[in-house]
Amino acid sequence: LLGGSSGYQAHETQEQVDEVMGIMRNNIDKVLERDTKIQNLNERSDALQVGAHQFLQTGNQLKRKMWWKNVKFMIILGVVGVIVLGILIGIIVSQTKKKN
C-alpha cells in the first residue's frame, strides 16, 4: 500500500514537473519571439533614422537651391527695374528737351 501511494506521489510530482517544463518552454519561446520583434524594431528604427537623415539633407539642398533661385530672380527683377526706369527717365528727358 505504501508503494502505491509513493508511486502516485511520484506520478503527481512528475506531472507537476512536466507542467513547469511546459510553462518554461512556453516562456523561452515567448522570450525568443520578443527578441526577434525587438531586432525587427531596431532594424526599422535604423532604417527610419537613415531615411530622416537623407530627408534632412535633401531638404537643405532644396532650401539652398530655392534661395539661389530667389536671389537670381531678385537680381533679374532689379536689372529689369533699372532698365525700365532708365527708359522712363530717357523718355521724360527727351520730352522735356523737345518742349524747350
C-alpha atoms as a PDB file:
ATOM      1  CA  LEU A   1       0.000   0.000   0.000  1.00  0.00           C
ATOM      2  CA  LEU A   2       2.825   2.405   0.804  1.00  0.00           C
ATOM      3  CA  GLY A   3       4.438   1.606  -2.522  1.00  0.00           C
ATOM      4  CA  GLY A   4       1.217   2.526  -4.332  1.00  0.00           C
ATOM      5  CA  SER A   5       0.965   5.849  -2.514  1.00  0.00           C
ATOM      6  CA  SER A   6       4.604   6.576  -3.263  1.00  0.00           C
ATOM      7  CA  GLY A   7       4.032   5.755  -6.932  1.00  0.00           C
ATOM      8  CA  TYR A   8       1.034   8.080  -7.016  1.00  0.00           C
ATOM      9  CA  GLN A   9       3.075  10.910  -5.461  1.00  0.00           C
ATOM     10  CA  ALA A  10       5.893  10.268  -7.914  1.00  0.00           C
ATOM     11  CA  HIS A  11       3.373  10.370 -10.780  1.00  0.00           C
ATOM     12  CA  GLU A  12       1.823  13.587  -9.433  1.00  0.00           C
ATOM     13  CA  THR A  13       5.254  15.127  -8.940  1.00  0.00           C
ATOM     14  CA  GLN A  14       6.203  14.121 -12.491  1.00  0.00           C
ATOM     15  CA  GLU A  15       3.035  15.784 -13.803  1.00  0.00           C
ATOM     16  CA  GLN A  16       3.902  18.967 -11.931  1.00  0.00           C
ATOM     17  CA  VAL A  17       7.453  18.838 -13.284  1.00  0.00           C
ATOM     18  CA  ASP A  18       6.073  18.305 -16.802  1.00  0.00           C
ATOM     19  CA  GLU A  19       3.689  21.241 -16.332  1.00  0.00           C
ATOM     20  CA  VAL A  20       6.507  23.500 -15.102  1.00  0.00           C
ATOM     21  CA  MET A  21       8.712  22.332 -18.011  1.00  0.00           C
ATOM     22  CA  GLY A  22       5.892  23.172 -20.425  1.00  0.00           C
ATOM     23  CA  ILE A  23       5.493  26.633 -18.913  1.00  0.00           C
ATOM     24  CA  MET A  24       9.253  27.194 -19.058  1.00  0.00           C
ATOM     25  CA  ARG A  25       9.385  26.136 -22.727  1.00  0.00           C
ATOM     26  CA  ASN A  26       6.494  28.473 -23.468  1.00  0.00           C
ATOM     27  CA  ASN A  27       8.296  31.314 -21.673  1.00  0.00           C
ATOM     28  CA  ILE A  28      11.503  30.618 -23.584  1.00  0.00           C
ATOM     29  CA  ASP A  29       9.564  30.661 -26.879  1.00  0.00           C
ATOM     30  CA  LYS A  30       7.997  33.987 -25.893  1.00  0.00           C
ATOM     31  CA  VAL A  31      11.412  35.442 -24.986  1.00  0.00           C
ATOM     32  CA  LEU A  32      12.846  34.325 -28.336  1.00  0.00           C
ATOM     33  CA  GLU A  33       9.826  35.747 -30.149  1.00  0.00           C
ATOM     34  CA  ARG A  34      10.206  39.017 -28.253  1.00  0.00           C
ATOM     35  CA  ASP A  35      13.910  39.152 -29.133  1.00  0.00           C
ATOM     36  CA  THR A  36      13.048  38.713 -32.808  1.00  0.00           C
ATOM     37  CA  LYS A  37      10.467  41.501 -32.598  1.00  0.00           C
ATOM     38  CA  ILE A  38      12.973  43.777 -30.866  1.00  0.00           C
ATOM     39  CA  GLN A  39      15.560  43.073 -33.571  1.00  0.00           C
ATOM     40  CA  ASN A  40      12.995  43.885 -36.273  1.00  0.00           C
ATOM     41  CA  LEU A  41      12.048  47.060 -34.450  1.00  0.00           C
ATOM     42  CA  ASN A  42      15.711  48.080 -34.184  1.00  0.00           C
ATOM     43  CA  GLU A  43      16.225  47.453 -37.902  1.00  0.00           C
ATOM     44  CA  ARG A  44      13.155  49.516 -38.766  1.00  0.00           C
ATOM     45  CA  SER A  45      14.306  52.254 -36.396  1.00  0.00           C
ATOM     46  CA  ASP A  46      17.731  52.328 -38.065  1.00  0.00           C
ATOM     47  CA  ALA A  47      16.102  52.484 -41.497  1.00  0.00           C
ATOM     48  CA  LEU A  48      13.898  55.379 -40.353  1.00  0.00           C
ATOM     49  CA  GLN A  49      16.910  57.204 -38.977  1.00  0.00           C
ATOM     50  CA  VAL A  50      18.756  56.828 -42.289  1.00  0.00           C
ATOM     51  CA  GLY A  51      15.642  57.993 -44.151  1.00  0.00           C
ATOM     52  CA  ALA A  52      15.267  61.001 -41.848  1.00  0.00           C
ATOM     53  CA  HIS A  53      18.912  61.952 -42.383  1.00  0.00           C
ATOM     54  CA  GLN A  54      18.503  61.716 -46.167  1.00  0.00           C
ATOM     55  CA  PHE A  55      15.303  63.752 -45.952  1.00  0.00           C
ATOM     56  CA  LEU A  56      17.109  66.431 -43.945  1.00  0.00           C
ATOM     57  CA  GLN A  57      19.974  66.578 -46.455  1.00  0.00           C
ATOM     58  CA  THR A  58      17.597  66.756 -49.409  1.00  0.00           C
ATOM     59  CA  GLY A  59      15.551  69.442 -47.654  1.00  0.00           C
ATOM     60  CA  ASN A  60      18.657  71.535 -47.008  1.00  0.00           C
ATOM     61  CA  GLN A  61      19.800  71.144 -50.628  1.00  0.00           C
ATOM     62  CA  LEU A  62      16.374  72.173 -51.874  1.00  0.00           C
ATOM     63  CA  LYS A  63      16.349  75.137 -49.474  1.00  0.00           C
ATOM     64  CA  ARG A  64      19.715  76.345 -50.833  1.00  0.00           C
ATOM     65  CA  LYS A  65      18.599  75.790 -54.418  1.00  0.00           C
ATOM     66  CA  MET A  66      15.398  77.776 -53.891  1.00  0.00           C
ATOM     67  CA  TRP A  67      17.319  80.540 -52.094  1.00  0.00           C
ATOM     68  CA  TRP A  68      19.679  80.923 -55.058  1.00  0.00           C
ATOM     69  CA  LYS A  69      16.738  80.842 -57.449  1.00  0.00           C
ATOM     70  CA  ASN A  70      15.091  83.610 -55.429  1.00  0.00           C
ATOM     71  CA  VAL A  71      18.319  85.665 -55.403  1.00  0.00           C
ATOM     72  CA  LYS A  72      18.671  85.286 -59.187  1.00  0.00           C
ATOM     73  CA  PHE A  73      15.040  86.323 -59.656  1.00  0.00           C
ATOM     74  CA  MET A  74      15.533  89.419 -57.479  1.00  0.00           C
ATOM     75  CA  ILE A  75      18.679  90.377 -59.423  1.00  0.00           C
ATOM     76  CA  ILE A  76      16.864  89.983 -62.743  1.00  0.00           C
ATOM     77  CA  LEU A  77      13.908  91.945 -61.384  1.00  0.00           C
ATOM     78  CA  GLY A  78      16.268  94.695 -60.200  1.00  0.00           C
ATOM     79  CA  VAL A  79      18.025  94.851 -63.572  1.00  0.00           C
ATOM     80  CA  VAL A  80      14.683  94.997 -65.408  1.00  0.00           C
ATOM     81  CA  GLY A  81      13.525  97.718 -62.994  1.00  0.00           C
ATOM     82  CA  VAL A  82      16.679  99.766 -63.632  1.00  0.00           C
ATOM     83  CA  ILE A  83      16.234  99.350 -67.406  1.00  0.00           C
ATOM     84  CA  VAL A  84      12.557 100.383 -67.246  1.00  0.00           C
ATOM     85  CA  LEU A  85      13.472 103.310 -65.002  1.00  0.00           C
ATOM     86  CA  GLY A  86      16.251 104.301 -67.423  1.00  0.00           C
ATOM     87  CA  ILE A  87      13.847 104.159 -70.357  1.00  0.00           C
ATOM     88  CA  LEU A  88      11.272 106.258 -68.487  1.00  0.00           C
ATOM     89  CA  ILE A  89      13.888 108.827 -67.499  1.00  0.00           C
ATOM     90  CA  GLY A  90      15.138 108.881 -71.098  1.00  0.00           C
ATOM     91  CA  ILE A  91      11.611 109.467 -72.403  1.00  0.00           C
ATOM     92  CA  ILE A  92      10.949 112.218 -69.853  1.00  0.00           C
ATOM     93  CA  VAL A  93      14.271 113.930 -70.617  1.00  0.00           C
ATOM     94  CA  SER A  94      13.675 113.757 -74.387  1.00  0.00           C
ATOM     95  CA  GLN A  95      10.120 115.134 -73.958  1.00  0.00           C
ATOM     96  CA  THR A  96      11.469 117.950 -71.809  1.00  0.00           C
ATOM     97  CA  LYS A  97      14.144 118.811 -74.398  1.00  0.00           C
ATOM     98  CA  LYS A  98      11.542 118.869 -77.195  1.00  0.00           C
ATOM     99  CA  LYS A  99       9.400 121.330 -75.229  1.00  0.00           C
ATOM    100  CA  ASN A 100      12.355 123.616 -74.639  1.00  0.00           C
END
